[in-house]
Every structure is written in C-alpha cells, then in structure tokens.
N, C-alpha and C. Protein backbone atom coordinates (compact mmCIF):
# COMPACT_ATOMS: atom_id res chain seq x y z
N GLN A 1 72.61 -12.69 4.54
CA GLN A 1 72.34 -13.70 4.59
C GLN A 1 70.73 -13.74 5.20
N ASN A 2 70.05 -12.77 5.46
CA ASN A 2 68.62 -12.18 5.73
C ASN A 2 67.55 -12.50 4.58
N GLY A 3 66.74 -13.55 5.26
CA GLY A 3 65.50 -14.19 4.38
C GLY A 3 64.48 -12.89 4.15
N THR A 4 64.71 -11.75 4.71
CA THR A 4 63.74 -10.30 4.52
C THR A 4 64.57 -9.82 3.23
N PHE A 5 65.80 -9.68 3.27
CA PHE A 5 66.26 -8.73 1.85
C PHE A 5 66.30 -9.76 0.80
N TRP A 6 66.24 -10.99 0.75
CA TRP A 6 65.81 -11.93 -0.48
C TRP A 6 64.06 -11.62 -0.89
N GLY A 7 63.62 -11.68 0.15
CA GLY A 7 62.23 -11.69 -0.15
C GLY A 7 61.94 -10.31 -0.55
N ALA A 8 62.34 -9.22 -0.03
CA ALA A 8 62.02 -7.86 -0.72
C ALA A 8 62.56 -7.60 -2.14
N GLN A 9 63.59 -8.42 -2.34
CA GLN A 9 64.41 -7.98 -3.63
C GLN A 9 63.16 -8.60 -4.48
N ARG A 10 62.50 -9.74 -4.55
CA ARG A 10 62.08 -10.55 -5.22
C ARG A 10 60.51 -9.99 -5.28
N PHE A 11 60.28 -9.21 -4.49
CA PHE A 11 58.87 -8.42 -4.40
C PHE A 11 59.05 -6.99 -5.45
N PHE A 12 60.27 -6.41 -5.04
CA PHE A 12 60.48 -5.36 -5.98
C PHE A 12 60.77 -5.46 -7.22
N LEU A 13 61.46 -6.56 -7.75
CA LEU A 13 61.91 -6.87 -8.95
C LEU A 13 60.78 -7.71 -9.88
N MET A 14 59.65 -7.88 -8.95
CA MET A 14 58.17 -8.71 -9.47
C MET A 14 57.33 -7.32 -9.89
N MET A 15 57.56 -6.37 -9.19
CA MET A 15 56.58 -5.40 -9.34
C MET A 15 56.30 -4.74 -10.45
N PRO A 16 57.29 -4.38 -11.21
CA PRO A 16 57.48 -3.72 -12.69
C PRO A 16 56.71 -5.04 -13.52
N THR A 17 56.86 -5.95 -13.23
CA THR A 17 56.34 -6.53 -14.35
C THR A 17 54.87 -7.11 -14.14
N ALA A 18 54.40 -7.15 -12.81
CA ALA A 18 53.15 -7.16 -12.76
C ALA A 18 52.47 -6.02 -12.94
N GLU A 19 52.99 -5.00 -12.86
CA GLU A 19 52.44 -3.45 -13.55
C GLU A 19 52.50 -3.67 -14.91
N LYS A 20 53.29 -4.12 -15.39
CA LYS A 20 53.55 -4.12 -17.22
C LYS A 20 52.30 -5.26 -17.66
N LYS A 21 52.23 -6.32 -17.13
CA LYS A 21 51.02 -6.87 -17.12
C LYS A 21 49.70 -6.27 -17.37
N ARG A 22 49.55 -5.61 -16.07
CA ARG A 22 48.36 -4.63 -15.74
C ARG A 22 48.14 -3.94 -17.14
N LYS A 23 49.54 -2.79 -17.47
CA LYS A 23 48.93 -1.90 -18.52
C LYS A 23 48.68 -2.58 -19.61
N ARG A 24 49.29 -3.82 -20.16
CA ARG A 24 49.00 -4.67 -21.05
C ARG A 24 47.52 -5.02 -21.06
N ALA A 25 47.20 -5.50 -20.24
CA ALA A 25 45.64 -5.59 -20.09
C ALA A 25 44.80 -4.78 -20.26
N ASP A 26 44.96 -3.71 -19.76
CA ASP A 26 44.36 -2.29 -19.85
C ASP A 26 44.27 -1.83 -21.19
N GLN A 27 45.47 -1.95 -21.97
CA GLN A 27 45.48 -1.90 -23.56
C GLN A 27 44.47 -2.62 -24.26
N ALA A 28 44.84 -4.03 -24.33
CA ALA A 28 44.11 -5.24 -24.43
C ALA A 28 42.66 -4.59 -24.50
N ASP A 29 42.08 -4.09 -23.40
CA ASP A 29 40.51 -3.72 -23.01
C ASP A 29 40.41 -2.45 -24.11
N ASP A 30 41.02 -1.78 -23.95
CA ASP A 30 40.97 -0.21 -24.87
C ASP A 30 41.07 -0.47 -26.16
N LYS A 31 42.08 -1.40 -26.92
CA LYS A 31 41.94 -1.92 -28.21
C LYS A 31 40.85 -2.55 -28.39
N ALA A 32 39.90 -3.56 -27.73
CA ALA A 32 38.90 -4.16 -27.61
C ALA A 32 37.69 -3.38 -27.77
N ALA A 33 37.83 -2.34 -26.72
CA ALA A 33 36.54 -1.60 -26.96
C ALA A 33 36.67 -0.53 -28.26
N LYS A 34 37.89 -0.27 -28.69
CA LYS A 34 37.80 0.59 -29.98
C LYS A 34 37.17 -0.18 -31.19
N LYS A 35 37.63 -1.56 -31.60
CA LYS A 35 37.49 -2.47 -32.36
C LYS A 35 35.89 -2.66 -32.34
N THR A 36 35.26 -2.60 -30.90
CA THR A 36 33.76 -2.49 -31.03
C THR A 36 33.21 -1.30 -31.34
N GLN A 37 33.76 -0.40 -30.98
CA GLN A 37 33.35 0.88 -31.57
C GLN A 37 33.26 1.15 -33.38
N LEU A 38 34.37 0.76 -33.57
CA LEU A 38 34.45 0.76 -35.43
C LEU A 38 33.44 -0.11 -35.61
N ALA A 39 33.25 -1.81 -35.30
CA ALA A 39 32.50 -2.47 -35.80
C ALA A 39 31.20 -1.84 -35.81
N GLU A 40 30.64 -1.14 -34.57
CA GLU A 40 29.25 -0.63 -34.76
C GLU A 40 29.24 0.76 -35.55
N LEU A 41 30.10 1.53 -35.84
CA LEU A 41 30.42 2.76 -36.42
C LEU A 41 30.11 2.50 -38.09
N LEU A 42 31.04 1.14 -38.34
CA LEU A 42 30.92 0.85 -39.95
C LEU A 42 29.31 -0.09 -40.29
N GLN A 43 28.85 -0.63 -39.32
CA GLN A 43 27.59 -1.34 -39.33
C GLN A 43 26.30 0.07 -39.77
N LYS A 44 26.73 0.84 -38.94
CA LYS A 44 25.89 2.19 -39.18
C LYS A 44 25.77 2.89 -40.56
N VAL A 45 27.24 2.91 -40.79
CA VAL A 45 27.64 3.53 -42.11
C VAL A 45 27.19 2.86 -43.32
N ARG A 46 27.18 1.57 -43.01
CA ARG A 46 26.83 0.55 -44.13
C ARG A 46 25.19 0.52 -44.50
N ALA A 47 24.69 1.21 -43.03
CA ALA A 47 22.96 0.99 -43.18
C ALA A 47 22.50 2.09 -43.81
N LEU A 48 23.15 3.21 -44.05
CA LEU A 48 22.78 4.31 -44.59
C LEU A 48 22.95 4.01 -46.09
N PRO A 49 21.58 4.90 -46.90
CA PRO A 49 21.64 4.60 -48.26
C PRO A 49 22.80 5.19 -49.28
N GLY A 50 23.09 4.35 -50.13
CA GLY A 50 23.82 5.08 -51.32
C GLY A 50 23.46 5.95 -52.27
N PRO A 51 24.50 6.57 -52.61
CA PRO A 51 23.97 7.94 -53.48
C PRO A 51 23.12 7.38 -54.82
N GLU A 52 22.12 8.10 -54.93
CA GLU A 52 21.15 7.75 -55.77
C GLU A 52 21.60 8.64 -57.07
N LYS A 53 21.49 8.57 -58.61
CA LYS A 53 21.53 9.27 -59.67
C LYS A 53 20.21 9.71 -60.05
N ALA A 54 19.90 10.70 -59.81
CA ALA A 54 18.58 11.67 -59.99
C ALA A 54 18.66 11.70 -61.55
N THR A 55 19.67 11.98 -62.16
CA THR A 55 19.89 12.43 -63.24
C THR A 55 21.07 11.54 -63.85
N PRO A 56 21.28 11.28 -65.01
CA PRO A 56 22.69 10.51 -65.48
C PRO A 56 23.79 11.65 -65.61
N CYS A 57 24.78 10.95 -65.40
CA CYS A 57 26.17 11.58 -65.63
C CYS A 57 26.56 11.76 -67.10
N HIS A 58 27.26 13.11 -67.45
CA HIS A 58 27.67 13.17 -68.75
C HIS A 58 28.98 13.13 -68.80
N PRO A 59 29.72 12.19 -69.29
CA PRO A 59 31.40 12.12 -69.47
C PRO A 59 31.98 13.30 -69.61
N PRO A 60 31.38 14.05 -70.56
CA PRO A 60 32.16 15.41 -70.77
C PRO A 60 32.36 16.44 -69.89
N PHE A 61 31.39 16.26 -69.16
CA PHE A 61 31.42 17.24 -67.68
C PHE A 61 31.98 16.25 -66.17
N CYS A 62 31.63 14.97 -66.51
CA CYS A 62 31.89 14.26 -65.26
C CYS A 62 32.42 12.85 -65.34
N ALA A 63 33.21 12.43 -64.62
CA ALA A 63 34.31 10.98 -64.76
C ALA A 63 33.07 9.98 -65.16
N LYS A 64 33.83 9.01 -65.95
CA LYS A 64 33.09 7.80 -66.25
C LYS A 64 32.13 7.37 -65.24
N ASN A 65 32.88 6.50 -64.53
CA ASN A 65 32.38 6.05 -63.38
C ASN A 65 32.13 6.96 -62.02
N CYS A 66 31.48 8.14 -62.38
CA CYS A 66 30.80 8.94 -61.28
C CYS A 66 29.87 8.62 -60.29
N PRO A 67 30.24 8.59 -58.80
CA PRO A 67 29.14 7.90 -58.15
C PRO A 67 27.79 8.52 -58.16
N GLY A 68 27.65 9.97 -58.97
CA GLY A 68 26.56 10.72 -58.84
C GLY A 68 26.07 11.65 -57.68
N THR A 69 27.46 11.74 -56.88
CA THR A 69 27.00 12.42 -56.05
C THR A 69 28.21 14.00 -55.71
N ALA A 70 27.94 15.00 -55.30
CA ALA A 70 28.61 16.07 -55.52
C ALA A 70 29.43 15.94 -54.22
N VAL A 71 30.88 16.03 -54.68
CA VAL A 71 31.94 16.15 -53.32
C VAL A 71 32.46 17.53 -53.28
N TYR A 72 32.33 18.05 -52.02
CA TYR A 72 32.43 19.34 -51.61
C TYR A 72 33.70 19.56 -50.81
N ASP A 73 34.48 18.58 -50.63
CA ASP A 73 35.87 18.68 -50.23
C ASP A 73 37.04 18.55 -51.17
N THR A 74 38.05 19.09 -51.26
CA THR A 74 39.39 19.09 -51.89
C THR A 74 39.84 17.96 -51.68
N CYS A 75 40.60 17.45 -52.58
CA CYS A 75 41.74 16.10 -52.56
C CYS A 75 42.32 16.23 -51.17
N ASP A 76 42.93 17.10 -51.13
CA ASP A 76 43.85 17.20 -49.80
C ASP A 76 43.14 17.09 -48.48
N GLU A 77 41.73 17.74 -48.31
CA GLU A 77 40.96 17.78 -47.28
C GLU A 77 40.42 15.83 -47.05
N VAL A 78 40.29 15.59 -48.21
CA VAL A 78 39.86 13.93 -48.24
C VAL A 78 40.96 13.46 -47.61
N ARG A 79 42.27 13.46 -48.22
CA ARG A 79 43.66 12.64 -47.97
C ARG A 79 43.68 13.25 -46.30
N LYS A 80 43.62 14.36 -45.65
CA LYS A 80 43.90 14.45 -44.43
C LYS A 80 42.92 13.45 -43.61
N LYS A 81 41.43 13.96 -43.96
CA LYS A 81 40.53 13.19 -43.19
C LYS A 81 40.46 11.70 -43.13
N SER A 82 41.05 11.09 -44.22
CA SER A 82 40.88 9.70 -44.35
C SER A 82 41.81 9.28 -43.45
N LEU A 83 43.27 9.87 -43.57
CA LEU A 83 44.34 9.63 -42.64
C LEU A 83 44.08 9.48 -41.09
N GLU A 84 43.66 11.00 -40.74
CA GLU A 84 42.73 11.04 -39.23
C GLU A 84 41.94 9.97 -39.02
N PHE A 85 41.24 9.57 -39.75
CA PHE A 85 40.03 8.50 -39.30
C PHE A 85 40.59 7.16 -39.33
N ILE A 86 41.62 6.88 -39.58
CA ILE A 86 42.56 5.54 -39.88
C ILE A 86 43.03 5.40 -38.74
N ALA A 87 43.83 6.53 -38.29
CA ALA A 87 44.66 7.05 -36.78
C ALA A 87 43.90 6.56 -35.96
N ALA A 88 42.57 7.31 -36.00
CA ALA A 88 41.53 7.61 -34.84
C ALA A 88 40.91 6.33 -34.48
N SER A 89 40.47 5.64 -35.50
CA SER A 89 39.83 4.72 -35.53
C SER A 89 40.20 3.28 -35.09
N GLY A 90 41.59 3.08 -35.58
CA GLY A 90 42.27 1.98 -35.31
C GLY A 90 41.69 1.09 -36.37
N MET A 91 41.38 1.46 -37.45
CA MET A 91 41.18 0.64 -38.94
C MET A 91 42.38 0.74 -39.60
N THR A 92 42.54 -0.66 -40.24
CA THR A 92 43.66 -0.70 -41.13
C THR A 92 43.48 0.02 -42.00
N GLN A 93 44.58 0.37 -43.00
CA GLN A 93 44.56 1.20 -44.43
C GLN A 93 43.85 -0.01 -45.32
N SER A 94 43.91 -1.23 -45.06
CA SER A 94 43.51 -2.14 -46.06
C SER A 94 41.98 -2.30 -45.67
N ALA A 95 41.53 -2.29 -44.68
CA ALA A 95 40.18 -2.50 -44.45
C ALA A 95 39.63 -1.16 -44.87
N PHE A 96 40.09 0.05 -44.68
CA PHE A 96 39.81 1.31 -45.15
C PHE A 96 39.43 1.30 -46.74
N ILE A 97 40.65 0.85 -47.43
CA ILE A 97 40.57 0.63 -48.90
C ILE A 97 39.01 -0.20 -49.30
N LYS A 98 39.13 -1.22 -48.77
CA LYS A 98 37.89 -2.15 -48.98
C LYS A 98 36.55 -1.63 -48.75
N GLU A 99 36.62 -0.81 -47.63
CA GLU A 99 35.45 -0.05 -47.61
C GLU A 99 34.80 1.00 -48.30
N ILE A 100 35.80 1.87 -48.73
CA ILE A 100 35.43 2.78 -49.90
C ILE A 100 35.87 2.22 -51.26
N GLY A 101 35.70 0.74 -51.42
CA GLY A 101 35.64 0.01 -52.82
C GLY A 101 36.56 0.63 -53.60
N SER A 102 37.98 0.27 -53.14
CA SER A 102 38.94 0.79 -54.00
C SER A 102 40.18 -0.28 -53.84
N HIS A 103 41.22 -0.08 -54.64
CA HIS A 103 42.53 -0.96 -54.43
C HIS A 103 43.52 -0.30 -54.02
N PRO A 104 44.46 -1.26 -53.30
CA PRO A 104 45.79 -0.33 -52.71
C PRO A 104 46.23 0.46 -53.73
N PRO A 105 46.89 -0.12 -55.15
CA PRO A 105 47.44 0.48 -55.92
C PRO A 105 46.94 1.96 -56.03
N SER A 106 45.54 2.18 -56.27
CA SER A 106 45.05 2.90 -56.65
C SER A 106 44.93 4.05 -55.11
N TRP A 107 45.08 3.74 -54.21
CA TRP A 107 45.01 4.27 -52.87
C TRP A 107 46.48 4.94 -52.79
N ASN A 108 47.41 4.29 -53.27
CA ASN A 108 48.69 4.63 -52.77
C ASN A 108 49.06 5.95 -53.84
N SER A 109 48.51 5.81 -55.06
CA SER A 109 48.69 6.85 -55.89
C SER A 109 48.05 7.87 -55.56
N PHE A 110 47.02 7.55 -55.18
CA PHE A 110 45.87 9.05 -54.54
C PHE A 110 46.62 9.59 -53.34
N ILE A 111 47.05 8.70 -52.41
CA ILE A 111 47.93 9.60 -51.41
C ILE A 111 49.19 10.46 -51.73
N LYS A 112 49.72 9.61 -52.70
CA LYS A 112 51.04 10.31 -53.36
C LYS A 112 51.10 11.45 -53.97
N MET A 113 49.70 11.87 -54.57
CA MET A 113 49.64 12.46 -55.71
C MET A 113 49.64 14.36 -55.36
N LYS A 114 49.77 14.51 -54.03
CA LYS A 114 49.71 15.65 -53.51
C LYS A 114 50.70 16.41 -54.25
N GLY A 115 50.13 17.72 -54.76
CA GLY A 115 51.30 18.75 -55.33
C GLY A 115 51.73 18.30 -57.01
N LYS A 116 50.87 17.49 -57.60
CA LYS A 116 51.19 17.13 -59.05
C LYS A 116 50.42 18.01 -59.72
N PHE A 117 49.43 18.24 -59.06
CA PHE A 117 48.45 19.61 -59.96
C PHE A 117 48.37 20.70 -59.18
N ALA A 118 47.95 21.99 -59.93
CA ALA A 118 47.65 22.84 -59.18
C ALA A 118 46.23 23.17 -58.63
N GLY A 119 45.83 23.73 -57.45
CA GLY A 119 44.69 23.72 -57.65
C GLY A 119 43.90 22.72 -56.78
N HIS A 120 42.74 22.58 -56.67
CA HIS A 120 41.87 21.70 -55.65
C HIS A 120 42.22 20.23 -55.87
N ASN A 121 42.37 19.75 -57.16
CA ASN A 121 42.21 18.52 -58.01
C ASN A 121 43.85 17.67 -57.89
N PRO A 122 44.37 17.38 -57.22
CA PRO A 122 45.60 16.70 -57.65
C PRO A 122 45.08 15.11 -57.06
N GLY A 123 44.75 14.54 -57.69
CA GLY A 123 43.97 13.11 -57.39
C GLY A 123 42.30 12.96 -57.83
N ALA A 124 41.75 13.81 -58.74
CA ALA A 124 40.33 14.29 -58.58
C ALA A 124 39.66 13.36 -59.27
N GLY A 125 40.70 12.94 -60.24
CA GLY A 125 39.82 11.60 -61.34
C GLY A 125 40.20 10.44 -60.77
N ASN A 126 40.99 10.44 -59.40
CA ASN A 126 40.70 8.84 -58.48
C ASN A 126 39.66 8.56 -57.98
N GLY A 127 39.39 7.08 -58.42
CA GLY A 127 38.17 6.88 -57.63
C GLY A 127 38.30 6.52 -55.97
N CYS A 128 39.14 6.58 -55.57
CA CYS A 128 39.30 7.02 -53.92
C CYS A 128 39.03 8.05 -53.38
N TYR A 129 39.15 9.29 -54.41
CA TYR A 129 38.60 10.56 -53.76
C TYR A 129 37.27 10.81 -53.39
N TRP A 130 36.34 10.31 -54.44
CA TRP A 130 35.12 10.13 -54.05
C TRP A 130 34.55 8.95 -53.04
N GLY A 131 35.49 7.96 -53.40
CA GLY A 131 34.70 6.81 -52.62
C GLY A 131 35.09 7.15 -50.91
N ALA A 132 36.56 7.65 -50.65
CA ALA A 132 36.77 8.00 -49.49
C ALA A 132 35.66 9.30 -48.94
N PHE A 133 35.36 10.05 -50.02
CA PHE A 133 34.66 11.15 -49.26
C PHE A 133 33.16 10.75 -49.08
N ASP A 134 32.53 10.05 -49.86
CA ASP A 134 31.02 9.26 -49.55
C ASP A 134 31.51 8.63 -48.15
N PHE A 135 32.26 7.66 -48.01
CA PHE A 135 32.52 7.11 -46.91
C PHE A 135 32.49 8.08 -45.51
N LEU A 136 33.46 9.29 -45.52
CA LEU A 136 33.44 9.86 -44.56
C LEU A 136 32.53 10.91 -44.46
N GLU A 137 31.67 11.45 -45.37
CA GLU A 137 30.47 11.81 -45.51
C GLU A 137 29.12 11.20 -44.61
N LYS A 138 29.34 9.82 -44.79
CA LYS A 138 28.15 8.89 -44.12
C LYS A 138 28.90 8.99 -42.65
N VAL A 139 30.21 8.94 -42.52
CA VAL A 139 30.92 8.65 -40.98
C VAL A 139 30.05 10.23 -40.16
N ARG A 140 29.96 11.16 -41.10
CA ARG A 140 29.61 12.31 -40.58
C ARG A 140 28.44 12.38 -40.21
N LEU A 141 27.42 11.85 -41.12
CA LEU A 141 26.15 11.66 -40.55
C LEU A 141 25.84 10.99 -39.53
N VAL A 142 26.46 9.64 -39.46
CA VAL A 142 26.26 9.01 -38.27
C VAL A 142 26.60 9.61 -36.94
N ARG A 143 27.70 10.33 -36.80
CA ARG A 143 27.82 10.96 -35.47
C ARG A 143 27.54 12.36 -35.47
N ASN A 144 26.42 12.66 -36.34
CA ASN A 144 25.75 14.06 -36.19
C ASN A 144 26.74 14.95 -36.13
N GLU A 145 27.70 15.18 -36.80
CA GLU A 145 28.45 16.37 -36.84
C GLU A 145 28.17 17.50 -37.91
N LYS A 146 28.63 18.70 -37.63
CA LYS A 146 28.33 19.91 -38.55
C LYS A 146 29.36 19.79 -39.49
N LYS A 147 28.70 20.86 -40.43
CA LYS A 147 29.47 20.53 -41.89
C LYS A 147 30.49 21.84 -41.70
N SER A 148 31.82 21.63 -42.02
CA SER A 148 32.72 22.80 -41.90
C SER A 148 32.51 24.00 -42.54
N ALA A 149 33.10 24.98 -42.23
CA ALA A 149 32.64 26.42 -42.80
C ALA A 149 33.57 26.15 -44.29
N LYS A 150 34.54 25.36 -44.67
CA LYS A 150 35.21 25.25 -45.93
C LYS A 150 34.04 24.40 -46.75
N ARG A 151 33.37 23.41 -46.09
CA ARG A 151 32.32 22.51 -46.83
C ARG A 151 31.46 23.59 -47.31
N LEU A 152 30.88 24.37 -46.32
CA LEU A 152 29.39 25.46 -46.62
C LEU A 152 29.97 26.32 -47.78
N ALA A 153 31.11 26.79 -47.77
CA ALA A 153 31.57 27.92 -48.72
C ALA A 153 31.72 26.96 -50.04
N ALA A 154 32.04 25.89 -50.26
CA ALA A 154 32.30 24.93 -51.28
C ALA A 154 30.97 24.67 -52.01
N GLU A 155 29.59 24.38 -50.87
CA GLU A 155 28.41 24.33 -51.21
C GLU A 155 27.96 25.28 -52.14
N ALA A 156 28.37 26.69 -51.70
CA ALA A 156 27.46 27.70 -52.47
C ALA A 156 28.12 28.14 -53.56
N LYS A 157 29.63 27.93 -53.73
CA LYS A 157 30.31 28.21 -54.88
C LYS A 157 29.97 27.29 -55.92
N TYR A 158 29.89 25.74 -55.39
CA TYR A 158 29.54 24.75 -56.49
C TYR A 158 28.27 24.21 -56.48
N PRO A 159 26.93 25.11 -56.66
CA PRO A 159 25.73 24.01 -56.46
C PRO A 159 25.53 23.31 -57.72
N PRO A 160 24.44 22.34 -57.76
CA PRO A 160 24.11 21.71 -58.81
C PRO A 160 23.94 22.53 -59.97
N ARG A 161 24.11 22.12 -61.30
CA ARG A 161 23.42 23.17 -62.55
C ARG A 161 22.74 22.21 -63.06
N GLU A 162 21.47 22.56 -63.51
CA GLU A 162 20.14 21.73 -63.96
C GLU A 162 20.73 21.72 -65.42
N MET A 163 21.10 22.92 -66.07
CA MET A 163 21.16 23.19 -67.54
C MET A 163 22.09 22.14 -67.86
N ARG A 164 23.40 21.68 -67.43
CA ARG A 164 24.08 20.88 -67.71
C ARG A 164 24.00 19.27 -67.48
N CYS A 165 23.00 19.04 -66.76
CA CYS A 165 22.85 17.91 -65.75
C CYS A 165 23.88 17.46 -64.98
N VAL A 166 24.92 18.46 -64.25
CA VAL A 166 25.59 18.39 -63.59
C VAL A 166 25.51 18.39 -62.12
N HIS A 167 26.06 17.59 -61.33
CA HIS A 167 25.64 17.63 -60.04
C HIS A 167 26.64 18.52 -59.44
N GLY A 168 26.78 19.28 -58.17
CA GLY A 168 27.51 20.52 -57.78
C GLY A 168 28.71 19.56 -57.03
N GLY A 169 29.66 20.15 -56.37
CA GLY A 169 30.85 20.29 -55.94
C GLY A 169 31.93 20.07 -57.00
N TYR A 170 33.23 19.91 -56.51
CA TYR A 170 34.33 19.67 -57.15
C TYR A 170 34.23 18.92 -58.76
N GLN A 171 35.03 19.07 -59.70
CA GLN A 171 34.95 18.17 -60.96
C GLN A 171 35.71 17.35 -60.03
N LEU A 172 35.24 16.07 -60.88
CA LEU A 172 36.23 14.81 -60.72
C LEU A 172 36.91 14.32 -61.63
N ARG A 173 37.99 15.36 -62.50
CA ARG A 173 39.64 15.13 -62.90
C ARG A 173 40.23 15.36 -62.57
N ASN A 174 41.49 15.42 -63.34
CA ASN A 174 42.56 15.68 -62.73
C ASN A 174 43.28 17.28 -63.24
N ASP A 175 42.38 17.79 -64.18
CA ASP A 175 42.73 18.85 -64.66
C ASP A 175 42.08 20.12 -64.49
N ASP A 176 42.52 21.37 -64.74
CA ASP A 176 41.97 22.34 -64.88
C ASP A 176 40.73 22.63 -65.78
N GLY A 177 40.61 21.95 -66.71
CA GLY A 177 39.32 21.90 -67.80
C GLY A 177 40.11 22.60 -68.93
N THR A 178 41.21 23.15 -69.04
CA THR A 178 41.91 23.91 -69.89
C THR A 178 42.01 22.79 -71.02
N ARG A 179 41.97 23.52 -72.48
CA ARG A 179 42.02 22.94 -73.46
C ARG A 179 42.77 23.49 -74.64
N TYR A 180 43.50 23.34 -75.32
CA TYR A 180 43.97 23.93 -76.45
C TYR A 180 43.67 23.18 -77.88
N VAL A 181 43.29 23.87 -78.49
CA VAL A 181 42.80 23.71 -80.13
C VAL A 181 43.70 24.11 -81.09
N PHE A 182 44.69 23.19 -81.77
CA PHE A 182 45.25 23.47 -82.94
C PHE A 182 44.54 23.58 -83.97
N THR A 183 44.54 24.30 -85.04
CA THR A 183 44.09 24.50 -86.26
C THR A 183 45.16 24.24 -87.46
N GLY A 184 44.55 22.91 -88.45
CA GLY A 184 45.53 22.88 -89.43
C GLY A 184 45.90 23.65 -90.73
N GLY A 185 45.85 25.27 -90.29
CA GLY A 185 46.20 26.12 -91.47
C GLY A 185 47.50 26.08 -91.75
N ARG A 186 47.75 26.40 -93.07
CA ARG A 186 49.04 27.10 -93.84
C ARG A 186 49.44 28.13 -93.78
C-alpha cells in the first residue's frame, strides 16, 4: 500500500509507450524527409530533356514505338535497378510505372519475364524496358553517378550504326533475330 510502488509502476509501464511515440515521430520525420527528397529528385529528372530522334527509327531493326535512345543495360539489370530504386527511394510501384509512362499489366509482365528467353533480352520488346532505362539514366545524370563497367562495355560493343540508321545499344525485341525461311519446293 505504498504510494511510491504504484507511482514507480506507472512510470515504468508508461516509459515504453513514450519511447514508442518518440520512435514513431522519428520514423514519420524520416519518411517525410524521404518524400521531400524524392519529390526534388523527380522534379530534376522531369526537367531533363527527353530523347530526341536524330534519325528516324526503322521497324525492321527497331521496335515500333522505340524512344530513339540507345539502351545499354540488359533487361535483368533494368529490372534490378528499378526495384532497388523503388525500395531505396520509397516510391510506390504505381508511381514508378506512371513515371516511366507505362501501365501495371505491362510492368507486371516485364518483371515476371526473367528467364523466358535466352540472352540479354527477356522483355526487351516491352515498353517498360526502355521507359525504365531512360528514367534510371536521368536519375543517374541528376545524381552525377559514373557509368558502370558493364555499361561501358555495352557501349563499346553496340555503338550506333549510321549505315542502317540504327542507334546503338541492345535490340528492343524479345528474340535473338534468327529467322527461318521455308521454300515451297517439291
């Protein structure tokens, strides 16, 4: 029946609640700061000029709705970088999809396409591939990050070709370009 006992009990029971409130407030502040940083980054990315087509694309060599820029990351790298950016920045997938100019079904098929084709291009014909690459490239430029060694090797291996009016980078289609021709002989 000591008043100190009950006072101490209330003090120690309430302390974790107060600490939880403090942690929640700190988390809310961190989340607000992350949201502000993301908004500033997106504003800078949107301010960068879009790709300009110096020469028109030719459908046999390029996708129909090709953005006119060279894509130097494989589909797997673009998927990985996209998911890392979404996780690190706190951006929602739907906001990311909207930012790259795509739609959720297209994004879902692009993410799940890994391993369906051999080589660099499982998903290369999907608009999310070049949309995400273009967006992530602008993010890289805003952050003043250097190009990766893989990227530099791809630029050296797939330079723009003036002869066919094809911009460099990986092909924007899901196959390896192999075609079979059957002749109608008897």
